[in-house]
């Protein structure tokens, strides 16, 4: 699964949906974020407050 250049604007409701794919016992997902401005902010919310979240 590869996605390139999705855009989320602050004045729009933004979300992404993907088709399901088989998940093994352990799956690694890598995300890269690039704000539109040098002082951009990324908010991250995890389900659990653990190091692996």
C-alpha atoms as a PDB file:
ATOM      1  CA  UNK A   1       0.000   0.000   0.000  1.00  0.00           C
ATOM      2  CA  UNK A   2       1.536   3.285  -1.055  1.00  0.00           C
ATOM      3  CA  UNK A   3       0.025   6.773  -1.013  1.00  0.00           C
ATOM      4  CA  UNK A   4       1.749   9.844  -2.329  1.00  0.00           C
ATOM      5  CA  UNK A   5       0.993  13.496  -1.618  1.00  0.00           C
ATOM      6  CA  UNK A   6      -2.332  13.445   0.268  1.00  0.00           C
ATOM      7  CA  UNK A   7      -3.358  16.964   1.308  1.00  0.00           C
ATOM      8  CA  UNK A   8      -5.235  17.994   4.441  1.00  0.00           C
ATOM      9  CA  UNK A   9      -6.347  21.613   4.609  1.00  0.00           C
ATOM     10  CA  UNK A  10      -7.357  23.210   7.928  1.00  0.00           C
ATOM     11  CA  UNK A  11     -10.658  24.514   6.545  1.00  0.00           C
ATOM     12  CA  UNK A  12     -11.850  21.101   5.300  1.00  0.00           C
ATOM     13  CA  UNK A  13     -12.873  17.872   6.992  1.00  0.00           C
ATOM     14  CA  UNK A  14     -10.026  15.507   6.113  1.00  0.00           C
ATOM     15  CA  UNK A  15      -9.775  11.767   6.421  1.00  0.00           C
ATOM     16  CA  UNK A  16      -8.302   8.849   4.517  1.00  0.00           C
ATOM     17  CA  UNK A  17      -9.735   5.369   3.998  1.00  0.00           C
ATOM     18  CA  UNK A  18      -7.983   2.299   2.631  1.00  0.00           C
ATOM     19  CA  UNK A  19      -9.097  -1.129   1.518  1.00  0.00           C
ATOM     20  CA  UNK A  20      -8.388  -3.782   4.129  1.00  0.00           C
ATOM     21  CA  UNK A  21      -5.312  -5.955   3.772  1.00  0.00           C
ATOM     22  CA  UNK A  22      -4.101  -9.003   5.721  1.00  0.00           C
ATOM     23  CA  UNK A  23      -2.283  -8.085   8.924  1.00  0.00           C
ATOM     24  CA  UNK A  24       0.200 -10.477  10.392  1.00  0.00           C
ATOM     25  CA  UNK A  25       0.941 -10.856  14.066  1.00  0.00           C
ATOM     26  CA  UNK A  26       3.280  -7.881  13.778  1.00  0.00           C
ATOM     27  CA  UNK A  27       2.926  -5.087  11.226  1.00  0.00           C
ATOM     28  CA  UNK A  28       5.119  -2.018  10.776  1.00  0.00           C
ATOM     29  CA  UNK A  29       3.698   1.158   9.274  1.00  0.00           C
ATOM     30  CA  UNK A  30       5.854   4.140   8.343  1.00  0.00           C
ATOM     31  CA  UNK A  31       4.351   7.622   7.984  1.00  0.00           C
ATOM     32  CA  UNK A  32       6.043  10.835   6.913  1.00  0.00           C
ATOM     33  CA  UNK A  33       4.470  14.260   7.421  1.00  0.00           C
ATOM     34  CA  UNK A  34       5.407  17.568   5.867  1.00  0.00           C
ATOM     35  CA  UNK A  35       3.548  20.688   7.076  1.00  0.00           C
ATOM     36  CA  UNK A  36       2.562  23.364   4.558  1.00  0.00           C
ATOM     37  CA  UNK A  37       4.390  26.003   6.664  1.00  0.00           C
ATOM     38  CA  UNK A  38       7.670  25.932   8.597  1.00  0.00           C
ATOM     39  CA  UNK A  39       5.744  26.482  11.850  1.00  0.00           C
ATOM     40  CA  UNK A  40       3.103  23.830  11.080  1.00  0.00           C
ATOM     41  CA  UNK A  41       1.780  21.622  13.893  1.00  0.00           C
ATOM     42  CA  UNK A  42       0.944  17.919  13.818  1.00  0.00           C
ATOM     43  CA  UNK A  43      -1.433  16.561  16.461  1.00  0.00           C
ATOM     44  CA  UNK A  44      -1.108  12.854  17.207  1.00  0.00           C
ATOM     45  CA  UNK A  45      -3.554  10.874  19.331  1.00  0.00           C
ATOM     46  CA  UNK A  46      -2.762   7.293  20.349  1.00  0.00           C
ATOM     47  CA  UNK A  47      -5.134   4.674  21.686  1.00  0.00           C
ATOM     48  CA  UNK A  48      -2.727   3.728  24.498  1.00  0.00           C
ATOM     49  CA  UNK A  49      -0.073   5.778  26.301  1.00  0.00           C
ATOM     50  CA  UNK A  50       2.791   3.349  25.707  1.00  0.00           C
ATOM     51  CA  UNK A  51       6.127   3.609  23.919  1.00  0.00           C
ATOM     52  CA  UNK A  52       4.792   1.548  21.005  1.00  0.00           C
ATOM     53  CA  UNK A  53       1.760   3.822  20.433  1.00  0.00           C
END
